[in-house]
Structures are given as structure tokens and as C-alpha cells.
Amino acid sequence: MDYTLAMTFINTNGDKLSLSVSDVKPDISSAEVGALMDTIVAKDIFLSKGCSIAAKYDAQITQRQTTKFDIK
């Protein structure tokens, strides 16, 4: 199964911005996600519509299972 972490932030204009990280470990904790999001806000390396990220808003993990078929 593949796991993707989707994080939503608020920029300084009040608009939402989403960032996703693929292939995260399935047992990632809420504290680890919060710390990652805090780091993203503190480092201020991403812009959204020309504005800095100001705050965390939401986060979720999506899991995807792929089933391959042998169709010879």
C-alpha cells in the first residue's frame, strides 16, 4: 500500500495552500506531522501566490492499494 501525507496551510493572505508527501510511513504520528508542519512554517521556503506560509491548518494521510492483474 502507498501512503501520502496531505498538509494544508494558510498563507499570509488567508488563502489555503496544500503540500503532499508521497511514500510516508503508515504509522507516522500526529506529533511527527505537527513537527514537520511547524518546520515548514518556520523555514519559510515555500510561497503561495507570492505570500509566505503563516500557519498550519489541516493534515491527513491517504492510503492507496494497487492490484495488478496478469492478463497474458
PDB file of N, CA and C in Angstrom:
ATOM      1  N   MET A   1       0.828  -1.181   0.000  1.00  0.00           N
ATOM      2  CA  MET A   1       0.000   0.000   0.000  1.00  0.00           C
ATOM      3  C   MET A   1       0.874   1.246   0.000  1.00  0.00           C
ATOM      4  N   ASP A   2       0.412   2.256  -0.673  1.00  0.00           N
ATOM      5  CA  ASP A   2       1.103   3.545  -0.721  1.00  0.00           C
ATOM      6  C   ASP A   2       0.387   4.528   0.197  1.00  0.00           C
ATOM      7  N   TYR A   3       1.167   5.307   0.938  1.00  0.00           N
ATOM      8  CA  TYR A   3       0.609   6.301   1.857  1.00  0.00           C
ATOM      9  C   TYR A   3       1.111   7.683   1.467  1.00  0.00           C
ATOM     10  N   THR A   4       0.189   8.637   1.403  1.00  0.00           N
ATOM     11  CA  THR A   4       0.523  10.019   1.064  1.00  0.00           C
ATOM     12  C   THR A   4       0.024  10.939   2.174  1.00  0.00           C
ATOM     13  N   LEU A   5       0.903  11.816   2.626  1.00  0.00           N
ATOM     14  CA  LEU A   5       0.547  12.814   3.632  1.00  0.00           C
ATOM     15  C   LEU A   5       0.176  14.097   2.913  1.00  0.00           C
ATOM     16  N   ALA A   6      -1.047  14.562   3.110  1.00  0.00           N
ATOM     17  CA  ALA A   6      -1.507  15.829   2.536  1.00  0.00           C
ATOM     18  C   ALA A   6      -1.623  16.845   3.666  1.00  0.00           C
ATOM     19  N   MET A   7      -0.909  17.957   3.512  1.00  0.00           N
ATOM     20  CA  MET A   7      -0.901  19.003   4.541  1.00  0.00           C
ATOM     21  C   MET A   7      -1.479  20.284   3.957  1.00  0.00           C
ATOM     22  N   THR A   8      -2.301  20.956   4.722  1.00  0.00           N
ATOM     23  CA  THR A   8      -2.889  22.214   4.299  1.00  0.00           C
ATOM     24  C   THR A   8      -2.418  23.311   5.246  1.00  0.00           C
ATOM     25  N   PHE A   9      -2.032  24.426   4.648  1.00  0.00           N
ATOM     26  CA  PHE A   9      -1.536  25.581   5.394  1.00  0.00           C
ATOM     27  C   PHE A   9      -2.347  26.807   5.006  1.00  0.00           C
ATOM     28  N   ILE A  10      -2.189  27.868   5.775  1.00  0.00           N
ATOM     29  CA  ILE A  10      -2.773  29.173   5.468  1.00  0.00           C
ATOM     30  C   ILE A  10      -1.623  30.128   5.185  1.00  0.00           C
ATOM     31  N   ASN A  11      -1.718  30.887   4.082  1.00  0.00           N
ATOM     32  CA  ASN A  11      -0.657  31.862   3.795  1.00  0.00           C
ATOM     33  C   ASN A  11      -0.998  33.204   4.441  1.00  0.00           C
ATOM     34  N   THR A  12      -0.122  34.173   4.285  1.00  0.00           N
ATOM     35  CA  THR A  12      -0.315  35.468   4.953  1.00  0.00           C
ATOM     36  C   THR A  12      -1.508  36.258   4.413  1.00  0.00           C
ATOM     37  N   ASN A  13      -2.034  35.867   3.255  1.00  0.00           N
ATOM     38  CA  ASN A  13      -3.257  36.491   2.731  1.00  0.00           C
ATOM     39  C   ASN A  13      -4.519  35.791   3.221  1.00  0.00           C
ATOM     40  N   GLY A  14      -4.356  34.688   3.945  1.00  0.00           N
ATOM     41  CA  GLY A  14      -5.500  33.934   4.426  1.00  0.00           C
ATOM     42  C   GLY A  14      -5.960  32.852   3.458  1.00  0.00           C
ATOM     43  N   ASP A  15      -5.231  32.646   2.364  1.00  0.00           N
ATOM     44  CA  ASP A  15      -5.566  31.604   1.396  1.00  0.00           C
ATOM     45  C   ASP A  15      -4.973  30.273   1.844  1.00  0.00           C
ATOM     46  N   LYS A  16      -5.606  29.168   1.413  1.00  0.00           N
ATOM     47  CA  LYS A  16      -5.108  27.835   1.737  1.00  0.00           C
ATOM     48  C   LYS A  16      -4.107  27.368   0.685  1.00  0.00           C
ATOM     49  N   LEU A  17      -3.145  26.588   1.135  1.00  0.00           N
ATOM     50  CA  LEU A  17      -2.105  26.006   0.294  1.00  0.00           C
ATOM     51  C   LEU A  17      -1.939  24.557   0.721  1.00  0.00           C
ATOM     52  N   SER A  18      -1.857  23.636  -0.240  1.00  0.00           N
ATOM     53  CA  SER A  18      -1.678  22.227   0.078  1.00  0.00           C
ATOM     54  C   SER A  18      -0.333  21.724  -0.417  1.00  0.00           C
ATOM     55  N   LEU A  19       0.301  20.907   0.410  1.00  0.00           N
ATOM     56  CA  LEU A  19       1.537  20.219   0.054  1.00  0.00           C
ATOM     57  C   LEU A  19       1.341  18.741   0.355  1.00  0.00           C
ATOM     58  N   SER A  20       1.865  17.877  -0.514  1.00  0.00           N
ATOM     59  CA  SER A  20       1.753  16.438  -0.313  1.00  0.00           C
ATOM     60  C   SER A  20       3.126  15.795  -0.325  1.00  0.00           C
ATOM     61  N   VAL A  21       3.268  14.765   0.500  1.00  0.00           N
ATOM     62  CA  VAL A  21       4.499  13.978   0.556  1.00  0.00           C
ATOM     63  C   VAL A  21       4.106  12.524   0.326  1.00  0.00           C
ATOM     64  N   SER A  22       4.670  11.916  -0.709  1.00  0.00           N
ATOM     65  CA  SER A  22       4.374  10.523  -1.042  1.00  0.00           C
ATOM     66  C   SER A  22       5.250   9.573  -0.243  1.00  0.00           C
ATOM     67  N   ASP A  23       4.784   8.348  -0.138  1.00  0.00           N
ATOM     68  CA  ASP A  23       5.537   7.244   0.472  1.00  0.00           C
ATOM     69  C   ASP A  23       5.934   7.506   1.920  1.00  0.00           C
ATOM     70  N   VAL A  24       5.031   8.081   2.696  1.00  0.00           N
ATOM     71  CA  VAL A  24       5.304   8.243   4.126  1.00  0.00           C
ATOM     72  C   VAL A  24       5.060   6.907   4.820  1.00  0.00           C
ATOM     73  N   LYS A  25       5.661   6.747   5.977  1.00  0.00           N
ATOM     74  CA  LYS A  25       5.458   5.507   6.719  1.00  0.00           C
ATOM     75  C   LYS A  25       4.014   5.471   7.234  1.00  0.00           C
ATOM     76  N   PRO A  26       3.393   4.304   7.235  1.00  0.00           N
ATOM     77  CA  PRO A  26       1.969   4.220   7.604  1.00  0.00           C
ATOM     78  C   PRO A  26       1.691   4.549   9.067  1.00  0.00           C
ATOM     79  N   ASP A  27       2.697   4.429   9.925  1.00  0.00           N
ATOM     80  CA  ASP A  27       2.475   4.669  11.353  1.00  0.00           C
ATOM     81  C   ASP A  27       2.998   6.025  11.814  1.00  0.00           C
ATOM     82  N   ILE A  28       3.093   6.984  10.892  1.00  0.00           N
ATOM     83  CA  ILE A  28       3.536   8.329  11.267  1.00  0.00           C
ATOM     84  C   ILE A  28       2.568   8.896  12.313  1.00  0.00           C
ATOM     85  N   SER A  29       3.118   9.558  13.305  1.00  0.00           N
ATOM     86  CA  SER A  29       2.282  10.059  14.409  1.00  0.00           C
ATOM     87  C   SER A  29       1.823  11.491  14.153  1.00  0.00           C
ATOM     88  N   SER A  30       0.822  11.871  14.879  1.00  0.00           N
ATOM     89  CA  SER A  30       0.311  13.236  14.813  1.00  0.00           C
ATOM     90  C   SER A  30       1.393  14.234  15.237  1.00  0.00           C
ATOM     91  N   ALA A  31       2.175  13.854  16.239  1.00  0.00           N
ATOM     92  CA  ALA A  31       3.259  14.727  16.712  1.00  0.00           C
ATOM     93  C   ALA A  31       4.317  14.924  15.624  1.00  0.00           C
ATOM     94  N   GLU A  32       4.643  13.858  14.879  1.00  0.00           N
ATOM     95  CA  GLU A  32       5.627  13.964  13.800  1.00  0.00           C
ATOM     96  C   GLU A  32       5.110  14.855  12.667  1.00  0.00           C
ATOM     97  N   VAL A  33       3.838  14.705  12.338  1.00  0.00           N
ATOM     98  CA  VAL A  33       3.237  15.545  11.298  1.00  0.00           C
ATOM     99  C   VAL A  33       3.223  17.003  11.751  1.00  0.00           C
ATOM    100  N   GLY A  34       2.837  17.229  12.982  1.00  0.00           N
ATOM    101  CA  GLY A  34       2.822  18.588  13.521  1.00  0.00           C
ATOM    102  C   GLY A  34       4.203  19.221  13.502  1.00  0.00           C
ATOM    103  N   ALA A  35       5.231  18.439  13.870  1.00  0.00           N
ATOM    104  CA  ALA A  35       6.602  18.949  13.870  1.00  0.00           C
ATOM    105  C   ALA A  35       7.062  19.272  12.448  1.00  0.00           C
ATOM    106  N   LEU A  36       6.719  18.425  11.491  1.00  0.00           N
ATOM    107  CA  LEU A  36       7.064  18.690  10.095  1.00  0.00           C
ATOM    108  C   LEU A  36       6.402  19.979   9.620  1.00  0.00           C
ATOM    109  N   MET A  37       5.135  20.132   9.931  1.00  0.00           N
ATOM    110  CA  MET A  37       4.410  21.329   9.504  1.00  0.00           C
ATOM    111  C   MET A  37       4.975  22.580  10.180  1.00  0.00           C
ATOM    112  N   ASP A  38       5.334  22.471  11.450  1.00  0.00           N
ATOM    113  CA  ASP A  38       5.957  23.605  12.150  1.00  0.00           C
ATOM    114  C   ASP A  38       7.270  24.000  11.477  1.00  0.00           C
ATOM    115  N   THR A  39       8.052  23.003  11.065  1.00  0.00           N
ATOM    116  CA  THR A  39       9.322  23.268  10.390  1.00  0.00           C
ATOM    117  C   THR A  39       9.099  23.973   9.061  1.00  0.00           C
ATOM    118  N   ILE A  40       8.094  23.510   8.310  1.00  0.00           N
ATOM    119  CA  ILE A  40       7.785  24.134   7.018  1.00  0.00           C
ATOM    120  C   ILE A  40       7.408  25.600   7.212  1.00  0.00           C
ATOM    121  N   VAL A  41       6.593  25.883   8.227  1.00  0.00           N
ATOM    122  CA  VAL A  41       6.200  27.273   8.505  1.00  0.00           C
ATOM    123  C   VAL A  41       7.426  28.089   8.940  1.00  0.00           C
ATOM    124  N   ALA A  42       8.236  27.533   9.835  1.00  0.00           N
ATOM    125  CA  ALA A  42       9.382  28.275  10.395  1.00  0.00           C
ATOM    126  C   ALA A  42      10.462  28.554   9.349  1.00  0.00           C
ATOM    127  N   LYS A  43      10.714  27.611   8.453  1.00  0.00           N
ATOM    128  CA  LYS A  43      11.782  27.782   7.448  1.00  0.00           C
ATOM    129  C   LYS A  43      11.388  28.757   6.342  1.00  0.00           C
ATOM    130  N   ASP A  44      10.109  28.950   6.122  1.00  0.00           N
ATOM    131  CA  ASP A  44       9.608  29.945   5.167  1.00  0.00           C
ATOM    132  C   ASP A  44      10.257  29.809   3.780  1.00  0.00           C
ATOM    133  N   ILE A  45      10.252  28.580   3.240  1.00  0.00           N
ATOM    134  CA  ILE A  45      10.874  28.359   1.932  1.00  0.00           C
ATOM    135  C   ILE A  45       9.861  28.205   0.800  1.00  0.00           C
ATOM    136  N   PHE A  46       8.575  28.099   1.128  1.00  0.00           N
ATOM    137  CA  PHE A  46       7.536  27.969   0.113  1.00  0.00           C
ATOM    138  C   PHE A  46       6.716  29.245   0.030  1.00  0.00           C
ATOM    139  N   LEU A  47       6.311  29.598  -1.171  1.00  0.00           N
ATOM    140  CA  LEU A  47       5.416  30.728  -1.382  1.00  0.00           C
ATOM    141  C   LEU A  47       4.117  30.229  -1.995  1.00  0.00           C
ATOM    142  N   SER A  48       3.041  30.881  -1.632  1.00  0.00           N
ATOM    143  CA  SER A  48       1.732  30.600  -2.211  1.00  0.00           C
ATOM    144  C   SER A  48       1.157  31.926  -2.688  1.00  0.00           C
ATOM    145  N   LYS A  49       1.007  32.047  -3.997  1.00  0.00           N
ATOM    146  CA  LYS A  49       0.516  33.301  -4.584  1.00  0.00           C
ATOM    147  C   LYS A  49       1.368  34.485  -4.140  1.00  0.00           C
ATOM    148  N   GLY A  50       2.681  34.251  -4.042  1.00  0.00           N
ATOM    149  CA  GLY A  50       3.617  35.298  -3.665  1.00  0.00           C
ATOM    150  C   GLY A  50       3.672  35.594  -2.176  1.00  0.00           C
ATOM    151  N   CYS A  51       2.971  34.808  -1.376  1.00  0.00           N
ATOM    152  CA  CYS A  51       2.921  35.045   0.075  1.00  0.00           C
ATOM    153  C   CYS A  51       3.531  33.870   0.832  1.00  0.00           C
ATOM    154  N   SER A  52       4.071  34.160   1.994  1.00  0.00           N
ATOM    155  CA  SER A  52       4.640  33.127   2.854  1.00  0.00           C
ATOM    156  C   SER A  52       3.548  32.315   3.531  1.00  0.00           C
ATOM    157  N   ILE A  53       3.921  31.105   3.934  1.00  0.00           N
ATOM    158  CA  ILE A  53       3.017  30.274   4.731  1.00  0.00           C
ATOM    159  C   ILE A  53       3.010  30.825   6.151  1.00  0.00           C
ATOM    160  N   ALA A  54       1.827  31.033   6.693  1.00  0.00           N
ATOM    161  CA  ALA A  54       1.704  31.652   8.013  1.00  0.00           C
ATOM    162  C   ALA A  54       1.344  30.668   9.119  1.00  0.00           C
ATOM    163  N   ALA A  55       0.568  29.605   8.782  1.00  0.00           N
ATOM    164  CA  ALA A  55       0.087  28.719   9.838  1.00  0.00           C
ATOM    165  C   ALA A  55      -0.328  27.360   9.296  1.00  0.00           C
ATOM    166  N   LYS A  56      -0.349  26.379  10.197  1.00  0.00           N
ATOM    167  CA  LYS A  56      -0.871  25.043   9.877  1.00  0.00           C
ATOM    168  C   LYS A  56      -2.397  25.129   9.852  1.00  0.00           C
ATOM    169  N   TYR A  57      -3.009  24.278   9.030  1.00  0.00           N
ATOM    170  CA  TYR A  57      -4.466  24.245   9.000  1.00  0.00           C
ATOM    171  C   TYR A  57      -4.991  22.828   9.214  1.00  0.00           C
ATOM    172  N   ASP A  58      -4.485  21.856   8.420  1.00  0.00           N
ATOM    173  CA  ASP A  58      -5.056  20.516   8.441  1.00  0.00           C
ATOM    174  C   ASP A  58      -4.034  19.534   7.879  1.00  0.00           C
ATOM    175  N   ALA A  59      -4.169  18.267   8.230  1.00  0.00           N
ATOM    176  CA  ALA A  59      -3.325  17.225   7.643  1.00  0.00           C
ATOM    177  C   ALA A  59      -4.081  15.905   7.651  1.00  0.00           C
ATOM    178  N   GLN A  60      -3.777  15.085   6.650  1.00  0.00           N
ATOM    179  CA  GLN A  60      -4.392  13.764   6.583  1.00  0.00           C
ATOM    180  C   GLN A  60      -3.513  12.820   5.779  1.00  0.00           C
ATOM    181  N   ILE A  61      -3.665  11.523   6.052  1.00  0.00           N
ATOM    182  CA  ILE A  61      -2.951  10.500   5.284  1.00  0.00           C
ATOM    183  C   ILE A  61      -3.970   9.765   4.436  1.00  0.00           C
ATOM    184  N   THR A  62      -3.600   9.567   3.182  1.00  0.00           N
ATOM    185  CA  THR A  62      -4.421   8.797   2.255  1.00  0.00           C
ATOM    186  C   THR A  62      -3.654   7.526   1.919  1.00  0.00           C
ATOM    187  N   GLN A  63      -4.351   6.408   1.951  1.00  0.00           N
ATOM    188  CA  GLN A  63      -3.696   5.165   1.555  1.00  0.00           C
ATOM    189  C   GLN A  63      -4.290   4.679   0.246  1.00  0.00           C
ATOM    190  N   ARG A  64      -3.405   4.143  -0.584  1.00  0.00           N
ATOM    191  CA  ARG A  64      -3.845   3.648  -1.883  1.00  0.00           C
ATOM    192  C   ARG A  64      -3.292   2.243  -2.062  1.00  0.00           C
ATOM    193  N   GLN A  65      -4.161   1.357  -2.433  1.00  0.00           N
ATOM    194  CA  GLN A  65      -3.749  -0.012  -2.696  1.00  0.00           C
ATOM    195  C   GLN A  65      -3.896  -0.275  -4.179  1.00  0.00           C
ATOM    196  N   THR A  66      -2.853  -0.834  -4.772  1.00  0.00           N
ATOM    197  CA  THR A  66      -2.863  -1.157  -6.194  1.00  0.00           C
ATOM    198  C   THR A  66      -2.859  -2.664  -6.368  1.00  0.00           C
ATOM    199  N   THR A  67      -3.751  -3.160  -7.178  1.00  0.00           N
ATOM    200  CA  THR A  67      -3.800  -4.581  -7.503  1.00  0.00           C
ATOM    201  C   THR A  67      -3.477  -4.752  -8.970  1.00  0.00           C
ATOM    202  N   LYS A  68      -2.423  -5.490  -9.258  1.00  0.00           N
ATOM    203  CA  LYS A  68      -2.042  -5.731 -10.636  1.00  0.00           C
ATOM    204  C   LYS A  68      -2.620  -7.058 -11.104  1.00  0.00           C
ATOM    205  N   PHE A  69      -3.034  -7.080 -12.357  1.00  0.00           N
ATOM    206  CA  PHE A  69      -3.592  -8.293 -12.935  1.00  0.00           C
ATOM    207  C   PHE A  69      -2.645  -8.858 -13.980  1.00  0.00           C
ATOM    208  N   ASP A  70      -2.535 -10.168 -14.021  1.00  0.00           N
ATOM    209  CA  ASP A  70      -1.761 -10.838 -15.044  1.00  0.00           C
ATOM    210  C   ASP A  70      -2.707 -11.115 -16.207  1.00  0.00           C
ATOM    211  N   ILE A  71      -2.573 -10.380 -17.301  1.00  0.00           N
ATOM    212  CA  ILE A  71      -3.521 -10.503 -18.418  1.00  0.00           C
ATOM    213  C   ILE A  71      -2.837 -10.988 -19.695  1.00  0.00           C
ATOM    214  N   LYS A  72      -2.060 -12.034 -19.563  1.00  0.00           N
ATOM    215  CA  LYS A  72      -1.334 -12.576 -20.714  1.00  0.00           C
ATOM    216  C   LYS A  72      -2.231 -13.203 -21.729  1.00  0.00           C
TER     217      LYS A  72
END
